Amino acid sequence: MANYQVIGIRRPSQKSTHEQITHIAYIESFFNSRVVITIEEAIRRIAKNSKEFYIRGVTNMDYLEIVKTNEGKPFIKTRQENNKKDNLLRLQEC
């Protein structure tokens, strides 16, 4: 199965630091193009393949995972081994 490097995020307001991410952008390597998908689509795809999307770190790849809020709503974040910060939130707006 393919995996894709996530290069950007989209929120309802680019200046917001508290609104949830609505879209992610990744590089589709076969066509060398940027693709933007909704978080709902990303969640469906991650549920099928837990290593489909990643963020390139300094020394490794941080894969995205599905987590749920206290209310049960799913969202995505980077799977963290040693780092406590979610690298997904550090990406540029797309």
C-alpha atoms as a PDB file:
ATOM      1  CA  MET A   1       0.000   0.000   0.000  1.00  0.00           C
ATOM      2  CA  ALA A   2       1.120   3.534  -0.715  1.00  0.00           C
ATOM      3  CA  ASN A   3       1.944   6.107   1.887  1.00  0.00           C
ATOM      4  CA  TYR A   4       1.921   9.859   1.469  1.00  0.00           C
ATOM      5  CA  GLN A   5       3.780  12.749   3.044  1.00  0.00           C
ATOM      6  CA  VAL A   6       1.414  15.307   4.550  1.00  0.00           C
ATOM      7  CA  ILE A   7       2.663  18.822   3.755  1.00  0.00           C
ATOM      8  CA  GLY A   8      -0.097  21.140   4.960  1.00  0.00           C
ATOM      9  CA  ILE A   9      -3.311  21.604   6.897  1.00  0.00           C
ATOM     10  CA  ARG A  10      -6.401  23.764   6.532  1.00  0.00           C
ATOM     11  CA  ARG A  11      -8.575  25.253   9.280  1.00  0.00           C
ATOM     12  CA  PRO A  12     -11.720  27.386   8.970  1.00  0.00           C
ATOM     13  CA  SER A  13      -9.580  30.452   9.718  1.00  0.00           C
ATOM     14  CA  GLN A  14      -5.848  30.520   8.926  1.00  0.00           C
ATOM     15  CA  LYS A  15      -5.122  32.643  11.989  1.00  0.00           C
ATOM     16  CA  SER A  16      -6.967  30.328  14.373  1.00  0.00           C
ATOM     17  CA  THR A  17      -4.949  28.306  16.840  1.00  0.00           C
ATOM     18  CA  HIS A  18      -7.891  26.493  18.406  1.00  0.00           C
ATOM     19  CA  GLU A  19     -10.166  25.481  15.533  1.00  0.00           C
ATOM     20  CA  GLN A  20      -9.997  21.909  14.394  1.00  0.00           C
ATOM     21  CA  ILE A  21      -8.249  20.984  11.149  1.00  0.00           C
ATOM     22  CA  THR A  22     -10.714  20.485   8.275  1.00  0.00           C
ATOM     23  CA  HIS A  23      -8.372  19.310   5.474  1.00  0.00           C
ATOM     24  CA  ILE A  24      -4.873  17.945   4.935  1.00  0.00           C
ATOM     25  CA  ALA A  25      -2.647  18.281   1.887  1.00  0.00           C
ATOM     26  CA  TYR A  26      -0.208  15.613   0.779  1.00  0.00           C
ATOM     27  CA  ILE A  27       2.138  14.857  -2.083  1.00  0.00           C
ATOM     28  CA  GLU A  28       0.923  12.213  -4.510  1.00  0.00           C
ATOM     29  CA  SER A  29       4.297  10.932  -5.687  1.00  0.00           C
ATOM     30  CA  PHE A  30       3.213   9.086  -8.839  1.00  0.00           C
ATOM     31  CA  PHE A  31       1.928  12.302 -10.426  1.00  0.00           C
ATOM     32  CA  ASN A  32       4.126  14.559  -8.245  1.00  0.00           C
ATOM     33  CA  SER A  33       1.119  16.686  -7.394  1.00  0.00           C
ATOM     34  CA  ARG A  34      -0.433  18.151  -4.273  1.00  0.00           C
ATOM     35  CA  VAL A  35      -3.759  16.681  -3.180  1.00  0.00           C
ATOM     36  CA  VAL A  36      -6.127  18.162  -0.568  1.00  0.00           C
ATOM     37  CA  ILE A  37      -8.664  15.944   1.185  1.00  0.00           C
ATOM     38  CA  THR A  38     -11.106  16.417   4.050  1.00  0.00           C
ATOM     39  CA  ILE A  39     -10.369  15.126   7.522  1.00  0.00           C
ATOM     40  CA  GLU A  40     -13.320  12.740   7.164  1.00  0.00           C
ATOM     41  CA  GLU A  41     -11.704  11.196   4.070  1.00  0.00           C
ATOM     42  CA  ALA A  42      -8.319  11.008   5.840  1.00  0.00           C
ATOM     43  CA  ILE A  43      -9.949   9.231   8.801  1.00  0.00           C
ATOM     44  CA  ARG A  44     -11.594   6.675   6.484  1.00  0.00           C
ATOM     45  CA  ARG A  45      -8.274   6.016   4.749  1.00  0.00           C
ATOM     46  CA  ILE A  46      -6.246   5.791   7.983  1.00  0.00           C
ATOM     47  CA  ALA A  47      -8.789   3.313   9.378  1.00  0.00           C
ATOM     48  CA  LYS A  48      -8.021   1.050   6.392  1.00  0.00           C
ATOM     49  CA  ASN A  49      -4.235   1.634   6.372  1.00  0.00           C
ATOM     50  CA  SER A  50      -2.620   3.000   9.531  1.00  0.00           C
ATOM     51  CA  LYS A  51       0.564   3.878   7.643  1.00  0.00           C
ATOM     52  CA  GLU A  52      -0.982   5.763   4.715  1.00  0.00           C
ATOM     53  CA  PHE A  53      -0.158   9.327   5.854  1.00  0.00           C
ATOM     54  CA  TYR A  54       2.969  10.593   7.572  1.00  0.00           C
ATOM     55  CA  ILE A  55       4.861  13.746   8.398  1.00  0.00           C
ATOM     56  CA  ARG A  56       8.598  13.694   7.820  1.00  0.00           C
ATOM     57  CA  GLY A  57      10.441  14.399  11.049  1.00  0.00           C
ATOM     58  CA  VAL A  58      14.102  15.156  11.550  1.00  0.00           C
ATOM     59  CA  THR A  59      15.030  11.517  12.119  1.00  0.00           C
ATOM     60  CA  ASN A  60      11.878   9.549  11.318  1.00  0.00           C
ATOM     61  CA  MET A  61       8.397   9.513   9.856  1.00  0.00           C
ATOM     62  CA  ASP A  62       5.514  10.361  12.201  1.00  0.00           C
ATOM     63  CA  TYR A  63       2.405   8.520  11.019  1.00  0.00           C
ATOM     64  CA  LEU A  64      -1.058   9.958  11.534  1.00  0.00           C
ATOM     65  CA  GLU A  65      -3.478   8.151  13.806  1.00  0.00           C
ATOM     66  CA  ILE A  66      -7.143   8.426  14.683  1.00  0.00           C
ATOM     67  CA  VAL A  67      -8.076   9.470  18.210  1.00  0.00           C
ATOM     68  CA  LYS A  68     -11.421  10.433  19.708  1.00  0.00           C
ATOM     69  CA  THR A  69     -12.504  13.382  21.804  1.00  0.00           C
ATOM     70  CA  ASN A  70     -14.229  12.807  25.134  1.00  0.00           C
ATOM     71  CA  GLU A  71     -17.505  13.123  23.215  1.00  0.00           C
ATOM     72  CA  GLY A  72     -16.433  10.353  20.808  1.00  0.00           C
ATOM     73  CA  LYS A  73     -15.752  12.531  17.748  1.00  0.00           C
ATOM     74  CA  PRO A  74     -12.771  11.209  15.731  1.00  0.00           C
ATOM     75  CA  PHE A  75      -9.861  13.425  14.705  1.00  0.00           C
ATOM     76  CA  ILE A  76      -6.290  12.855  13.580  1.00  0.00           C
ATOM     77  CA  LYS A  77      -2.891  13.623  15.074  1.00  0.00           C
ATOM     78  CA  THR A  78       0.633  12.317  14.741  1.00  0.00           C
ATOM     79  CA  ARG A  79       1.503   9.098  16.516  1.00  0.00           C
ATOM     80  CA  GLN A  80       4.078  10.048  19.092  1.00  0.00           C
ATOM     81  CA  GLU A  81       6.881   7.959  20.476  1.00  0.00           C
ATOM     82  CA  ASN A  82       9.216  10.332  22.319  1.00  0.00           C
ATOM     83  CA  ASN A  83       7.825  13.717  21.342  1.00  0.00           C
ATOM     84  CA  LYS A  84       4.762  14.991  23.198  1.00  0.00           C
ATOM     85  CA  LYS A  85       3.898  17.630  20.555  1.00  0.00           C
ATOM     86  CA  ASP A  86       1.567  16.985  17.633  1.00  0.00           C
ATOM     87  CA  ASN A  87       3.667  17.759  14.548  1.00  0.00           C
ATOM     88  CA  LEU A  88       0.540  17.939  12.399  1.00  0.00           C
ATOM     89  CA  LEU A  89      -0.303  21.303  13.960  1.00  0.00           C
ATOM     90  CA  ARG A  90       3.113  22.685  12.979  1.00  0.00           C
ATOM     91  CA  LEU A  91       2.463  22.347   9.244  1.00  0.00           C
ATOM     92  CA  GLN A  92       1.747  25.341   7.041  1.00  0.00           C
ATOM     93  CA  GLU A  93      -1.765  26.269   5.984  1.00  0.00           C
ATOM     94  CA  CYS A  94      -2.652  25.012   2.515  1.00  0.00           C
END
